[in-house]
Amino acid sequence: MSENEVLDDELFEPVEGQMKLRVGVLISGSGTNLQALIDSCADGSIDAEVVVVASNKHDAFGLERARRAGIDAVLIDRAGYETFPAYNHAIADVMRSHRVDLIAMAGYMRLLGREVLEAYPDRVINLHPALLPAFVGASAIHDAYDHGVKVTGATVHFANEKFDEGPIIAQEAVLVSDDDTVETLEAKIHEVEHRLLPLVVGLIAQDRVVIEGRKVRVLPAE
């Protein structure tokens, strides 16, 4: 698929007996969390499959990760659209064309618009490298480190039209050691993220995640 090209309105034919949760992933960078999710789907750890990966950056290595795994990789460059809504309509069209059930933002460094959120109500999740509501935004790891916190971590939450604000699904803490650098702290947080994102996708695939106002309840396994 060429630069700035997205799929048209033709939908894929439905797959008879389809059971696995179909996941579309949005990225902007190297895609290590994407890789963790791909691996968890491939080894059967979770009952899901990544069916499309889209990026707003042409040089995002995550696109190459998708291609190597045989997954459709799509560039959706914001510069190719006159308005923000048109750009988000393009994202929604790609996800619908791939019959996506859940959208996961894994290092996607843009705010997602209502055109996508309304197309997938309560079906868009975001991975954030801090314990929300603390340290929102793109520089969360640096901000936590500079603030001198002793505990930070990672969060997966439902996305809405505000940065890092939606209902929290899961969090895991990371201790900050006195001898940590930004780089070592980042590595520790990434290790947690690589577990947390597949865990949440797996819970959603099992229909165990329920939103109750601002809170999210995880149902026990049957």
Protein backbone atom coordinates (compact mmCIF):
# COMPACT_ATOMS: atom_id res chain seq x y z
CA MET A 1 0.00 0.00 0.00
CA SER A 2 1.50 3.31 -1.04
CA GLU A 3 2.12 6.36 1.11
CA ASN A 4 -1.04 8.17 2.24
CA GLU A 5 -3.17 5.41 0.70
CA VAL A 6 -5.89 3.81 2.78
CA LEU A 7 -8.37 1.08 2.06
CA ASP A 8 -11.66 1.99 0.42
CA ASP A 9 -15.11 1.10 1.72
CA GLU A 10 -15.04 -2.47 0.45
CA LEU A 11 -15.22 -4.77 3.44
CA PHE A 12 -13.46 -8.07 3.71
CA GLU A 13 -15.73 -11.09 3.39
CA PRO A 14 -16.73 -12.41 6.83
CA VAL A 15 -14.92 -15.50 8.02
CA GLU A 16 -17.24 -18.35 8.94
CA GLY A 17 -16.76 -19.48 12.52
CA GLN A 18 -14.52 -16.52 13.37
CA MET A 19 -13.84 -16.53 17.12
CA LYS A 20 -10.66 -14.62 17.84
CA LEU A 21 -10.75 -10.95 18.79
CA ARG A 22 -9.57 -8.94 15.77
CA VAL A 23 -7.20 -6.18 16.88
CA GLY A 24 -6.03 -3.13 14.98
CA VAL A 25 -2.91 -1.44 16.37
CA LEU A 26 -1.92 2.23 16.02
CA ILE A 27 1.76 3.08 16.37
CA SER A 28 4.19 5.92 15.76
CA GLY A 29 7.54 4.29 16.47
CA SER A 30 9.59 1.12 16.81
CA GLY A 31 6.69 -1.06 17.89
CA THR A 32 8.16 -3.14 20.72
CA ASN A 33 4.76 -3.30 22.40
CA LEU A 34 3.23 -4.23 19.08
CA GLN A 35 5.74 -7.07 18.85
CA ALA A 36 4.82 -8.29 22.33
CA LEU A 37 1.18 -8.34 21.29
CA ILE A 38 1.93 -10.13 18.01
CA ASP A 39 3.97 -12.74 19.89
CA SER A 40 1.25 -13.33 22.48
CA CYS A 41 -1.32 -13.83 19.72
CA ALA A 42 1.00 -16.15 17.79
CA ASP A 43 1.83 -18.43 20.72
CA GLY A 44 -1.80 -18.74 21.80
CA SER A 45 -1.36 -16.90 25.08
CA ILE A 46 -4.39 -14.77 24.23
CA ASP A 47 -7.40 -15.50 22.03
CA ALA A 48 -6.80 -12.60 19.65
CA GLU A 49 -5.07 -11.71 16.40
CA VAL A 50 -3.55 -8.50 15.11
CA VAL A 51 -5.09 -7.96 11.68
CA VAL A 52 -3.80 -4.49 10.76
CA VAL A 53 -1.14 -2.06 11.97
CA ALA A 54 -1.40 1.64 11.08
CA SER A 55 1.12 4.40 11.67
CA ASN A 56 1.25 8.14 11.18
CA LYS A 57 5.02 7.90 10.61
CA HIS A 58 6.44 6.46 7.38
CA ASP A 59 9.68 5.41 9.10
CA ALA A 60 8.02 3.67 12.07
CA PHE A 61 9.77 0.32 12.41
CA GLY A 62 6.56 -1.13 13.74
CA LEU A 63 5.27 -1.20 10.16
CA GLU A 64 8.15 -3.50 9.24
CA ARG A 65 7.38 -5.69 12.25
CA ALA A 66 3.85 -6.06 10.95
CA ARG A 67 5.00 -6.96 7.44
CA ARG A 68 7.39 -9.59 8.79
CA ALA A 69 4.47 -11.15 10.67
CA GLY A 70 2.27 -11.15 7.57
CA ILE A 71 0.03 -8.39 8.93
CA ASP A 72 -1.28 -5.54 6.78
CA ALA A 73 0.80 -2.41 7.44
CA VAL A 74 -0.78 0.94 6.54
CA LEU A 75 0.67 4.45 6.56
CA ILE A 76 -1.89 7.12 7.36
CA ASP A 77 0.04 10.39 7.22
CA ARG A 78 -1.69 13.37 8.83
CA ALA A 79 -0.08 15.61 6.21
CA GLY A 80 -2.12 13.89 3.51
CA TYR A 81 -5.45 15.16 4.90
CA GLU A 82 -6.75 18.71 4.97
CA THR A 83 -8.48 18.38 8.35
CA PHE A 84 -8.08 16.44 11.56
CA PRO A 85 -11.56 14.86 11.16
CA ALA A 86 -10.67 13.67 7.64
CA TYR A 87 -7.51 12.08 8.99
CA ASN A 88 -9.45 10.28 11.72
CA HIS A 89 -12.12 9.17 9.26
CA ALA A 90 -9.29 7.50 7.30
CA ILE A 91 -8.17 5.65 10.43
CA ALA A 92 -11.72 4.49 11.14
CA ASP A 93 -12.15 3.35 7.53
CA VAL A 94 -9.00 1.22 7.71
CA MET A 95 -10.13 -0.39 10.94
CA ARG A 96 -13.63 -1.09 9.65
CA SER A 97 -12.25 -2.50 6.39
CA HIS A 98 -10.28 -5.04 8.42
CA ARG A 99 -13.31 -5.92 10.59
CA VAL A 100 -11.44 -4.82 13.69
CA ASP A 101 -13.13 -5.51 17.05
CA LEU A 102 -10.64 -3.59 19.22
CA ILE A 103 -8.18 -0.78 18.55
CA ALA A 104 -4.99 -0.68 20.63
CA MET A 105 -2.82 2.43 20.72
CA ALA A 106 0.69 1.17 21.42
CA GLY A 107 3.03 4.13 21.24
CA TYR A 108 0.71 6.15 19.00
CA MET A 109 1.80 9.72 19.64
CA ARG A 110 -1.33 11.59 18.59
CA LEU A 111 -4.70 12.33 20.14
CA LEU A 112 -7.36 10.16 18.58
CA GLY A 113 -10.43 11.99 17.25
CA ARG A 114 -14.11 11.35 17.85
CA GLU A 115 -14.47 9.92 14.34
CA VAL A 116 -12.61 6.84 15.53
CA LEU A 117 -13.93 6.81 19.09
CA GLU A 118 -17.55 6.98 17.94
CA ALA A 119 -16.96 4.22 15.40
CA TYR A 120 -15.51 2.04 18.19
CA PRO A 121 -17.25 3.07 21.43
CA ASP A 122 -15.46 1.61 24.45
CA ARG A 123 -13.32 -0.44 22.07
CA VAL A 124 -10.20 1.73 21.94
CA ILE A 125 -7.45 1.22 24.50
CA ASN A 126 -4.21 3.09 25.10
CA LEU A 127 -0.94 2.07 26.73
CA HIS A 128 0.76 4.78 28.81
CA PRO A 129 4.19 4.58 30.53
CA ALA A 130 3.17 5.95 33.93
CA LEU A 131 0.64 5.34 36.68
CA LEU A 132 -2.23 7.54 35.56
CA PRO A 133 -3.54 10.03 36.45
CA ALA A 134 0.05 11.04 37.24
CA PHE A 135 2.40 12.16 34.46
CA VAL A 136 0.20 12.40 31.42
CA GLY A 137 1.58 13.20 27.99
CA ALA A 138 4.40 12.08 25.73
CA SER A 139 7.27 12.68 28.18
CA ALA A 140 5.82 10.66 31.08
CA ILE A 141 8.96 8.63 31.85
CA HIS A 142 11.24 11.68 31.87
CA ASP A 143 8.72 13.67 33.89
CA ALA A 144 8.41 10.96 36.55
CA TYR A 145 12.17 10.55 36.74
CA ASP A 146 12.80 14.29 37.00
CA HIS A 147 10.12 14.59 39.67
CA GLY A 148 12.00 12.10 41.82
CA VAL A 149 9.18 9.61 42.33
CA LYS A 150 10.02 6.31 44.01
CA VAL A 151 7.26 4.41 42.18
CA THR A 152 5.99 4.78 38.63
CA GLY A 153 4.72 2.16 36.19
CA ALA A 154 2.45 1.53 33.23
CA THR A 155 -1.27 1.87 32.58
CA VAL A 156 -3.72 0.52 30.03
CA HIS A 157 -6.92 2.53 29.82
CA PHE A 158 -9.88 3.14 27.56
CA ALA A 159 -9.28 6.14 25.31
CA ASN A 160 -11.45 9.22 25.05
CA GLU A 161 -10.99 12.68 23.52
CA LYS A 162 -8.55 13.82 26.21
CA PHE A 163 -4.94 12.69 26.53
CA ASP A 164 -4.52 9.79 28.99
CA GLU A 165 -7.83 10.44 30.73
CA GLY A 166 -10.15 7.48 30.08
CA PRO A 167 -11.17 4.73 32.54
CA ILE A 168 -8.23 2.67 33.77
CA ILE A 169 -8.28 -1.06 33.00
CA ALA A 170 -4.97 -2.24 34.47
CA GLN A 171 -1.82 -0.84 36.05
CA GLU A 172 1.47 -2.27 37.23
CA ALA A 173 3.98 -0.46 39.43
CA VAL A 174 7.71 -0.08 38.79
CA LEU A 175 10.08 0.83 41.62
CA VAL A 176 12.56 3.60 40.87
CA SER A 177 15.98 2.77 42.30
CA ASP A 178 18.43 5.41 43.48
CA ASP A 179 20.87 4.34 40.76
CA ASP A 180 18.31 4.31 37.93
CA THR A 181 18.88 6.50 34.92
CA VAL A 182 16.14 7.59 32.54
CA GLU A 183 17.31 4.82 30.22
CA THR A 184 17.24 2.04 32.83
CA LEU A 185 13.86 3.23 34.11
CA GLU A 186 12.52 3.27 30.57
CA ALA A 187 13.70 -0.32 30.08
CA LYS A 188 11.98 -1.42 33.30
CA ILE A 189 8.72 0.23 32.26
CA HIS A 190 8.86 -1.29 28.78
CA GLU A 191 9.25 -4.73 30.32
CA VAL A 192 6.02 -4.16 32.24
CA GLU A 193 4.26 -2.74 29.19
CA HIS A 194 5.14 -5.84 27.17
CA ARG A 195 3.18 -7.91 29.72
CA LEU A 196 0.37 -5.49 30.47
CA LEU A 197 -0.91 -4.79 26.95
CA PRO A 198 -1.33 -8.46 25.95
CA LEU A 199 -2.88 -9.16 29.35
CA VAL A 200 -5.58 -6.52 28.81
CA VAL A 201 -6.25 -7.58 25.22
CA GLY A 202 -6.64 -11.13 26.50
CA LEU A 203 -9.12 -10.03 29.17
CA ILE A 204 -11.16 -8.13 26.58
CA ALA A 205 -11.08 -11.18 24.29
CA GLN A 206 -12.62 -13.15 27.17
CA ASP A 207 -15.35 -10.49 27.70
CA ARG A 208 -14.12 -9.96 31.23
CA VAL A 209 -13.79 -6.15 31.14
CA VAL A 210 -16.79 -4.06 32.20
CA ILE A 211 -16.93 -0.25 32.37
CA GLU A 212 -18.91 1.16 35.30
CA GLY A 213 -18.76 4.94 35.04
CA ARG A 214 -15.17 6.04 35.74
CA LYS A 215 -14.23 2.59 36.98
CA VAL A 216 -13.44 -0.63 35.14
CA ARG A 217 -14.24 -4.00 36.67
CA VAL A 218 -12.46 -7.19 35.60
CA LEU A 219 -14.72 -10.20 35.93
CA PRO A 220 -13.29 -13.43 37.35
CA ALA A 221 -12.38 -16.18 34.93
CA GLU A 222 -15.04 -18.79 34.37
